[in-house]
Protein backbone atom coordinates (compact mmCIF):
# COMPACT_ATOMS: atom_id res chain seq x y z
CA MET A 1 114.19 81.87 125.52
CA ASP A 2 111.64 79.68 127.26
CA GLY A 3 108.80 81.65 128.79
CA GLU A 4 109.80 84.92 127.16
CA VAL A 5 108.03 86.91 124.48
CA THR A 6 110.58 87.42 121.76
CA GLY A 7 109.21 90.63 120.28
CA THR A 8 106.96 89.17 117.62
CA ARG A 9 103.21 89.35 117.68
CA ARG A 10 103.04 87.72 121.12
CA ALA A 11 104.93 90.63 122.62
CA PHE A 12 102.62 93.10 120.96
CA LEU A 13 99.51 91.25 122.04
CA ALA A 14 100.53 91.02 125.66
CA LYS A 15 101.39 94.68 125.81
CA ALA A 16 98.78 96.26 123.57
CA ALA A 17 95.98 94.41 125.33
CA GLY A 18 96.79 96.27 128.48
CA ALA A 19 99.94 95.17 130.28
CA ALA A 20 100.10 98.67 131.69
CA GLY A 21 96.74 98.22 133.44
CA LEU A 22 94.13 99.46 130.97
CA ALA A 23 90.56 99.71 132.19
CA ILE A 24 87.29 99.91 130.30
CA ALA A 25 85.90 103.41 130.27
CA GLY A 26 82.34 104.21 131.27
CA ALA A 27 79.78 106.17 129.35
CA ALA A 28 80.79 109.68 128.37
CA GLY A 29 78.68 112.54 129.65
CA ALA A 30 75.54 112.61 131.71
CA ALA A 31 71.96 113.67 131.11
CA ASP A 32 71.37 117.40 131.44
CA GLY A 33 69.10 116.96 134.46
CA ASP A 34 66.47 119.51 133.36
CA GLU A 35 62.96 118.68 134.50
CA ARG A 36 60.18 118.42 131.97
CA PRO A 37 57.70 121.32 131.77
CA ALA A 38 54.86 121.09 134.22
CA GLY A 39 51.29 120.75 133.03
CA PRO A 40 48.92 117.97 132.14
CA THR A 41 49.39 118.28 128.37
CA PRO A 42 52.83 118.78 126.81
CA VAL A 43 53.18 121.25 123.98
CA VAL A 44 53.77 119.48 120.66
CA VAL A 45 56.20 121.33 118.42
CA PRO A 46 56.78 120.23 114.81
CA TRP A 47 60.30 118.88 114.22
CA PRO A 48 62.08 119.78 112.09
CA PRO A 49 60.65 123.22 112.88
CA VAL A 50 58.43 124.88 110.33
CA ARG A 51 59.27 128.34 109.03
CA GLY A 52 58.52 131.03 111.60
CA VAL A 53 58.17 128.61 114.52
CA ARG A 54 61.10 128.63 116.99
CA PRO A 55 61.45 125.38 118.95
CA PRO A 56 61.47 125.58 122.74
CA ARG A 57 64.82 126.25 124.42
CA LYS A 58 65.14 122.75 125.79
CA GLU A 59 64.51 121.21 122.35
CA ARG A 60 67.24 123.41 120.86
CA LEU A 61 69.72 122.35 123.54
CA MET A 62 68.83 118.69 123.12
CA ASP A 63 69.35 118.97 119.37
CA LEU A 64 72.75 120.60 119.87
CA MET A 65 73.73 117.91 122.37
CA ASP A 66 72.64 115.15 119.98
CA LYS A 67 74.68 116.63 117.13
CA ALA A 68 77.68 117.18 119.39
CA GLY A 69 77.44 113.62 120.64
CA GLU A 70 77.48 112.25 117.11
CA LEU A 71 80.58 114.29 116.28
CA PHE A 72 82.34 113.26 119.50
CA GLU A 73 81.59 109.58 118.95
CA ALA A 74 83.10 109.89 115.46
CA GLY A 75 86.25 111.49 116.91
CA ASP A 76 85.61 114.98 115.55
CA PHE A 77 86.47 116.47 118.92
CA ASP A 78 86.94 120.12 117.93
CA ALA A 79 83.62 120.32 116.05
CA ALA A 80 81.85 118.60 118.94
CA ASP A 81 83.41 121.02 121.40
CA ALA A 82 82.15 124.01 119.42
CA LEU A 83 78.59 122.72 119.87
CA TYR A 84 79.14 122.00 123.56
CA GLY A 85 80.26 125.62 123.80
CA GLN A 86 76.99 126.77 122.20
CA VAL A 87 75.02 124.80 124.78
CA LEU A 88 77.02 126.29 127.63
CA ALA A 89 76.51 129.80 126.24
CA ARG A 90 72.77 129.25 126.72
CA ASP A 91 72.99 127.15 129.90
CA PRO A 92 76.34 127.56 131.71
CA ASP A 93 75.45 124.84 134.23
CA HIS A 94 74.44 122.16 131.73
CA VAL A 95 76.19 119.17 133.31
CA GLY A 96 76.32 117.04 130.17
CA ALA A 97 77.82 119.80 128.01
CA LEU A 98 80.18 120.89 130.75
CA ALA A 99 81.46 117.34 131.28
CA GLN A 100 82.10 116.85 127.57
CA HIS A 101 83.70 120.27 127.23
CA ALA A 102 86.06 119.26 130.04
CA TYR A 103 86.72 115.90 128.38
CA VAL A 104 87.82 117.61 125.16
CA ALA A 105 90.11 119.91 127.16
CA LEU A 106 91.69 116.85 128.77
CA LEU A 107 92.13 115.13 125.40
CA ALA A 108 93.85 118.31 124.18
CA ASN A 109 96.14 118.11 127.26
CA ARG A 110 94.98 121.51 128.54
CA LEU A 111 95.33 120.33 132.11
CA PRO A 112 94.53 123.49 134.16
CA THR A 113 91.41 124.13 132.08
CA ALA A 114 90.32 120.50 132.24
CA GLU A 115 90.82 120.34 136.01
CA ARG A 116 88.84 123.54 136.59
CA LEU A 117 85.94 122.40 134.40
CA LEU A 118 85.86 118.89 135.86
CA LYS A 119 85.65 120.26 139.38
CA ARG A 120 82.69 122.39 138.29
CA VAL A 121 80.96 119.27 137.00
CA LEU A 122 81.61 117.39 140.22
CA ARG A 123 80.31 120.22 142.37
CA GLN A 124 76.98 119.81 140.58
CA ASP A 125 77.10 116.02 140.23
CA PRO A 126 79.60 114.47 142.69
CA GLY A 127 78.99 110.98 141.31
CA HIS A 128 79.61 111.79 137.63
CA ALA A 129 81.67 108.72 136.75
CA ARG A 130 83.37 109.96 133.59
CA SER A 131 84.35 113.25 135.20
CA LEU A 132 85.75 111.48 138.27
CA SER A 133 88.03 109.35 136.11
CA ASN A 134 88.95 112.31 133.91
CA LEU A 135 89.84 114.42 136.94
CA ALA A 136 92.00 111.57 138.20
CA ASP A 137 93.83 111.52 134.85
CA ALA A 138 94.30 115.31 134.94
CA LEU A 139 95.79 115.13 138.43
CA TRP A 140 98.00 112.19 137.42
CA ARG A 141 99.41 113.99 134.40
CA GLY A 142 99.83 117.18 136.43
CA ASP A 143 101.77 115.39 139.20
CA ALA A 144 99.18 116.39 141.82
CA TYR A 145 99.75 113.13 143.67
CA ALA A 146 98.54 114.15 147.13
CA GLU A 147 95.17 115.30 145.79
CA LEU A 148 94.91 112.25 143.52
CA ALA A 149 95.55 109.92 146.46
CA GLY A 150 92.44 111.30 148.14
CA LEU A 151 90.34 111.08 144.96
CA LEU A 152 91.27 107.57 143.81
CA PRO A 153 88.95 105.65 146.19
CA SER A 154 85.99 107.45 144.55
CA VAL A 155 87.01 106.46 141.00
CA LYS A 156 85.25 103.22 140.17
CA ALA A 157 86.52 102.75 136.60
CA ASP A 158 89.26 104.05 134.33
CA ALA A 159 91.49 105.19 137.16
CA PRO A 160 95.15 105.94 136.42
CA THR A 161 97.59 103.10 136.99
CA ALA A 162 98.39 104.07 140.57
CA THR A 163 97.46 103.39 144.19
CA PRO A 164 96.96 105.89 147.03
CA GLU A 165 99.85 104.33 148.93
CA GLN A 166 102.18 104.78 145.96
CA LEU A 167 101.14 108.39 145.49
CA ARG A 168 101.61 109.22 149.18
CA SER A 169 105.15 107.85 148.99
CA PHE A 170 106.03 110.97 146.96
CA ALA A 171 105.34 113.28 149.92
CA GLY A 172 108.22 115.76 150.11
CA ARG A 173 109.46 114.73 146.65
CA ARG A 174 108.96 116.39 143.28
CA PRO A 175 108.17 113.82 140.57
CA TYR A 176 110.19 113.78 137.37
CA THR A 177 113.07 116.05 138.34
CA ILE A 178 115.25 116.26 135.23
CA SER A 179 118.94 117.08 135.02
CA GLY A 180 121.56 116.75 132.31
CA PRO A 181 122.00 118.07 128.78
CA ALA A 182 119.35 120.20 127.08
CA THR A 183 119.18 117.55 124.36
CA ALA A 184 120.14 113.93 124.92
CA ARG A 185 120.58 111.46 122.09
CA ILE A 186 120.44 107.87 123.36
CA PRO A 187 121.46 105.36 120.67
CA PHE A 188 119.35 102.30 120.04
CA ALA A 189 120.87 99.10 121.35
CA ALA A 190 118.62 97.38 118.80
CA SER A 191 115.88 98.54 116.45
CA ASP A 192 114.00 95.30 115.88
CA PRO A 193 111.69 93.76 116.84
CA LEU A 194 111.25 97.09 118.70
CA PRO A 195 113.60 99.99 119.43
CA MET A 196 115.57 99.29 122.61
CA ILE A 197 117.86 101.50 124.64
CA GLU A 198 120.09 101.03 127.65
CA ALA A 199 119.03 102.71 130.88
CA SER A 200 120.05 102.49 134.52
CA VAL A 201 117.56 102.26 137.39
CA ASN A 202 118.63 103.41 140.86
CA GLY A 203 122.29 103.21 139.94
CA ALA A 204 122.21 99.59 138.77
CA PRO A 205 124.22 98.54 135.71
CA PRO A 206 122.50 99.56 132.45
CA ALA A 207 119.77 97.21 131.26
CA LEU A 208 117.72 97.01 128.08
CA PHE A 209 114.33 98.70 127.84
CA PHE A 210 112.00 98.77 124.84
CA LEU A 211 110.37 102.02 123.72
CA ASP A 212 106.61 101.93 123.63
CA THR A 213 104.05 104.74 123.39
CA GLY A 214 101.39 102.22 124.35
CA ALA A 215 102.89 101.79 127.82
CA LEU A 216 103.89 103.66 130.96
CA PHE A 217 107.27 103.28 132.67
CA ALA A 218 107.36 99.62 133.67
CA LEU A 219 109.77 97.07 135.09
CA ASN A 220 109.56 93.32 134.80
CA GLN A 221 108.57 91.85 138.13
CA ASP A 222 111.75 89.86 138.76
CA TYR A 223 113.92 92.84 137.81
CA ALA A 224 112.01 95.12 140.20
CA ASP A 225 112.47 92.51 142.94
CA ARG A 226 116.22 92.31 142.31
CA LEU A 227 116.52 96.09 142.56
CA GLY A 228 114.43 96.25 145.72
CA ILE A 229 111.84 98.59 144.24
CA PRO A 230 109.25 99.27 146.97
CA ALA A 231 105.73 98.07 146.24
CA TYR A 232 102.76 100.12 147.39
CA GLY A 233 99.85 97.87 146.56
CA HIS A 234 98.73 96.80 143.13
CA THR A 235 96.27 97.48 140.38
CA THR A 236 94.91 94.93 137.93
CA GLY A 237 96.44 94.70 134.49
CA ARG A 238 94.85 92.92 131.54
CA THR A 239 96.66 90.95 128.87
CA VAL A 240 95.70 88.23 126.43
CA TYR A 241 97.05 85.81 129.02
CA GLY A 242 94.50 87.04 131.55
CA GLU A 243 94.57 89.48 134.39
CA HIS A 244 97.66 90.06 136.48
CA LYS A 245 98.70 92.12 139.48
CA ALA A 246 100.62 95.25 138.49
CA TYR A 247 102.53 96.30 141.59
CA GLN A 248 102.93 100.05 141.96
CA GLY A 249 106.25 101.47 143.06
CA ARG A 250 108.63 104.39 142.98
CA VAL A 251 112.02 104.64 141.27
CA ASP A 252 114.51 107.10 142.76
CA ARG A 253 116.64 107.56 139.62
CA LEU A 254 116.39 106.70 135.95
CA ALA A 255 119.45 107.45 133.80
CA MET A 256 119.46 107.39 130.00
CA GLY A 257 122.86 108.42 128.71
CA ASP A 258 123.81 111.62 130.51
CA LEU A 259 120.18 112.44 131.26
CA ARG A 260 118.87 111.87 134.80
CA ILE A 261 115.26 111.74 135.98
CA GLY A 262 114.49 111.58 139.68
CA ASP A 263 111.46 110.20 141.53
CA LEU A 264 109.28 108.39 139.00
CA PRO A 265 106.19 106.25 139.51
CA VAL A 266 106.61 102.76 138.07
CA HIS A 267 104.61 99.57 137.87
CA THR A 268 105.50 95.96 137.22
CA ILE A 269 104.66 93.79 134.24
CA PRO A 270 104.79 89.99 134.07
CA ASP A 271 108.16 88.43 133.37
CA THR A 272 106.74 86.85 130.20
CA ILE A 273 106.45 90.30 128.62
CA ARG A 274 110.01 90.58 127.43
CA ILE A 275 111.67 91.21 124.11
CA ALA A 276 114.92 89.58 123.02
CA ALA A 277 117.51 91.71 121.27
CA PRO A 278 119.51 90.23 118.37
CA ASP A 279 122.50 89.76 120.72
CA GLY A 280 120.36 87.55 122.98
CA ARG A 281 119.85 90.03 125.80
CA ALA A 282 116.32 90.43 127.11
CA THR A 283 114.57 93.66 128.05
CA GLN A 284 113.84 94.40 131.70
CA GLY A 285 110.97 96.80 131.17
CA ALA A 286 109.49 99.55 129.03
CA ILE A 287 110.07 103.28 128.61
CA GLY A 288 106.63 104.61 127.78
CA THR A 289 104.53 107.74 127.49
CA SER A 290 104.78 108.71 131.17
CA VAL A 291 108.52 109.36 130.61
CA LEU A 292 108.45 110.53 126.98
CA SER A 293 105.79 113.16 127.66
CA ARG A 294 108.21 115.04 129.95
CA PHE A 295 110.23 116.01 126.89
CA LEU A 296 109.95 116.90 123.25
CA PRO A 297 110.83 113.33 122.23
CA THR A 298 111.80 111.84 118.89
CA ILE A 299 112.02 108.14 118.22
CA ASP A 300 114.39 108.41 115.28
CA TYR A 301 114.09 105.11 113.45
CA PRO A 302 116.40 105.96 110.52
CA GLY A 303 118.91 107.63 112.85
CA GLN A 304 118.72 104.74 115.34
CA ALA A 305 118.33 106.88 118.45
CA LEU A 306 115.93 108.27 121.02
CA VAL A 307 116.23 112.07 121.21
CA LEU A 308 114.94 113.80 124.35
CA ARG A 309 114.79 117.61 124.42
CA GLN A 310 114.14 119.48 127.65
CA ASN A 311 112.95 122.53 125.70
CA THR A 312 109.42 121.38 124.98
CA ARG A 313 108.70 124.60 123.02
CA ALA A 314 111.34 123.95 120.38
CA ARG A 315 110.05 123.66 116.84
CA ILE A 316 110.78 120.51 114.86
CA ARG A 317 110.51 120.50 111.10
CA ALA A 318 108.96 117.45 109.51
CA ARG A 319 107.47 116.57 106.15
CA HIS A 320 104.35 115.00 107.67
CA SER A 321 102.19 115.75 110.67
CA ALA A 322 99.01 114.62 112.36
CA PRO A 323 96.91 115.93 115.23
CA MET A 324 97.40 114.35 118.64
CA TRP A 325 95.16 113.82 121.65
CA PHE A 326 96.07 112.39 125.05
CA LEU A 327 93.63 109.87 126.51
CA GLY A 328 93.75 108.48 130.04
CA ASP A 329 97.15 108.19 131.65
CA HIS A 330 99.17 107.25 128.55
CA TYR A 331 97.20 106.63 125.33
CA LEU A 332 98.06 108.84 122.34
CA LEU A 333 95.38 109.28 119.69
CA SER A 334 95.31 110.73 116.19
CA HIS A 335 93.32 110.62 112.95
CA GLY A 336 93.94 108.27 110.06
CA THR A 337 92.34 106.24 107.30
CA VAL A 338 92.45 102.68 105.98
CA ASN A 339 92.02 101.85 102.29
CA GLY A 340 90.19 105.11 101.63
CA LEU A 341 87.61 104.80 104.40
CA ASP A 342 86.41 107.92 106.17
CA ARG A 343 88.78 109.41 108.73
CA MET A 344 88.72 107.69 112.12
CA VAL A 345 90.47 107.81 115.47
CA PHE A 346 93.69 105.81 115.73
CA PHE A 347 95.55 104.73 118.84
CA VAL A 348 99.22 105.50 118.13
CA ASP A 349 101.10 102.65 119.77
CA THR A 350 104.67 102.09 118.63
CA GLY A 351 105.09 98.78 120.50
CA GLY A 352 103.67 96.39 117.92
CA GLY A 353 106.73 94.37 116.99
CA ASP A 354 106.85 93.23 113.38
CA ILE A 355 103.47 94.55 112.29
CA GLY A 356 102.45 97.97 111.04
CA PHE A 357 98.72 98.03 111.67
CA THR A 358 95.93 96.33 113.53
CA ALA A 359 92.30 97.27 114.03
CA PRO A 360 88.92 95.96 115.11
CA ARG A 361 87.60 93.28 112.78
CA SER A 362 84.87 95.69 111.72
CA THR A 363 87.50 98.11 110.34
CA PHE A 364 89.23 95.39 108.34
CA ALA A 365 85.89 94.21 106.93
CA ALA A 366 84.81 97.74 105.95
CA ALA A 367 88.20 98.31 104.32
CA GLY A 368 87.76 95.27 102.08
CA VAL A 369 90.28 93.07 103.89
CA ALA A 370 89.04 89.48 104.11
CA VAL A 371 88.35 88.60 107.74
CA PRO A 372 88.41 84.85 108.47
CA PRO A 373 85.63 83.61 110.74
CA GLY A 374 86.27 82.86 114.38
CA ASP A 375 89.00 83.99 116.72
CA GLY A 376 92.73 83.73 116.26
CA LEU A 377 95.43 85.78 114.59
CA HIS A 378 95.64 86.26 110.85
CA GLN A 379 98.41 88.03 108.93
CA VAL A 380 97.21 90.38 106.24
CA THR A 381 98.57 93.13 104.03
CA VAL A 382 96.68 96.42 104.12
CA GLY A 383 96.75 98.35 100.86
CA GLU A 384 96.95 101.85 102.33
CA VAL A 385 97.11 103.33 105.84
CA THR A 386 97.38 107.05 106.50
CA LEU A 387 98.17 108.99 109.67
CA GLY A 388 97.61 112.67 109.15
CA SER A 389 99.51 113.51 105.96
CA ALA A 390 101.74 110.41 106.09
CA THR A 391 100.79 107.51 103.82
CA ARG A 392 102.15 103.97 103.83
CA ARG A 393 101.20 101.28 101.33
CA GLN A 394 101.28 97.51 101.55
CA VAL A 395 101.43 97.64 105.34
CA PRO A 396 101.84 94.34 107.21
CA GLY A 397 98.82 93.91 109.44
CA LEU A 398 97.34 91.48 111.91
CA ILE A 399 93.69 90.61 112.42
CA GLY A 400 92.73 89.53 115.93
CA ALA A 401 95.32 91.59 117.80
CA PHE A 402 93.10 94.57 118.63
CA PRO A 403 91.39 94.20 122.03
CA ASP A 404 87.62 94.17 121.52
CA TRP A 405 86.98 96.09 124.74
CA PHE A 406 89.24 98.94 123.61
CA GLU A 407 87.23 99.85 120.52
CA SER A 408 84.34 101.76 122.10
CA GLY A 409 85.15 102.02 125.79
CA PHE A 410 85.89 105.75 125.94
CA GLY A 411 82.81 107.43 124.49
CA PHE A 412 84.10 107.35 120.90
CA ARG A 413 85.23 104.66 118.51
CA ILE A 414 88.91 103.83 118.09
CA GLY A 415 89.11 102.37 114.61
CA GLY A 416 92.74 101.37 114.19
CA LEU A 417 96.26 101.17 115.56
CA PRO A 418 99.35 102.05 113.51
CA THR A 419 102.49 100.61 115.03
CA HIS A 420 106.17 99.73 114.63
CA GLU A 421 106.49 98.86 110.91
CA PHE A 422 104.38 101.87 109.91
CA PHE A 423 106.80 104.25 111.65
CA LYS A 424 110.17 102.74 110.66
CA PRO A 425 110.84 105.17 107.76
CA TYR A 426 110.41 108.20 110.04
CA ALA A 427 111.95 110.28 112.76
CA LEU A 428 108.79 110.23 114.89
CA THR A 429 108.27 113.21 117.19
CA PHE A 430 105.51 113.70 119.74
CA ASP A 431 105.00 117.42 120.40
CA PHE A 432 103.03 117.54 123.65
CA GLY A 433 103.06 121.34 123.69
CA ARG A 434 101.38 121.77 120.32
CA MET A 435 99.71 118.35 120.38
CA ARG A 436 101.06 117.22 117.03
CA ILE A 437 102.70 114.05 115.77
CA LEU A 438 105.57 114.81 113.38
CA MET A 439 106.97 112.29 110.92
CA ASP A 440 110.07 113.12 108.91
CA PRO A 441 111.45 110.54 106.45
CA GLY A 442 115.07 109.49 106.83
CA ARG A 443 117.46 111.05 104.35
């Protein structure tokens, strides 16, 4: 269809590069703010310390912060947090350690703890950029829209995909009210080039939506216009086609099968970001993490269905699992490897069409995959990709699809992105209560 993305690599590129309004993150953490000791001549202490000589307190804290920073940058969040905790045990008001401790709590989706810690940081340093954006994300995920509306003007980078006007439109409403069966199984209308389901918006006839953990809940602009979705200003989205206006709105009702969700935030995506189903129908938007995270969801590729459980504490058995972290307003992270390289952080984005893996060029080069010079897209086959305990071999990959600005914009390196073809053998569950990704092979 002329002007439409048909679900191949173009669809993935447009979406993965930030159709949902991604923003570049600022530097993580701040300096501790301690003043240097007074006196005309500083005391020189050997380092590493010699036996019997204990370094000054500030030197010990700086060393702990340096080590914690190295671990955090490498994506070893729990080990880094243990060291931030040691710093805070010695200096409870250390702004840098407190901000990073709060950041790890937010990544672990411990929202009340993260919010409390972030507000402590901002009482000491009201302009702490990373903590401002992290607090905005905590309020967004916690549906604290009135408070977030007041905070957003102070957030200069990495704000959630929302506007104050949109958030204020929820006054007197409770976001994400869910009704219907305890477990809903919505069959796929198509499974390739991405899983698609039928859903109804505001009582309109069912339309096709693609499932995508790299997105929020989004409607194509012309579809939103036809449904009369109110627009409350816009944010700026980024795609490989350039920047675009992402209009922010509110949907009164979203129905998937017998399941109903009331009062959802939504944003628009360009009409070119569409996927064609095998029967010729085109998608009208995306069902992303902002909706899936309200449930214990399974994208069951072998069983050809989306399963949404209201009991988020239920236990799901699976052969494979991986840790999960929640970044920003919708990015899901985990740990994985490529061709035997050391473990790294992966962005788990199911919306990659007919590929199974992409990564920064530096990852491909380190993994022994030949990287052609210059820009452009290059198909490759990656010998081995792991995600937690799951291993796939001979994975179809694509060089040049990973946004350069996404690699190191959040205070740590994101080294790869497993996507659609990697997950097709599995019933893929995202357990937001236990923060695990579960992968069970089809039988």
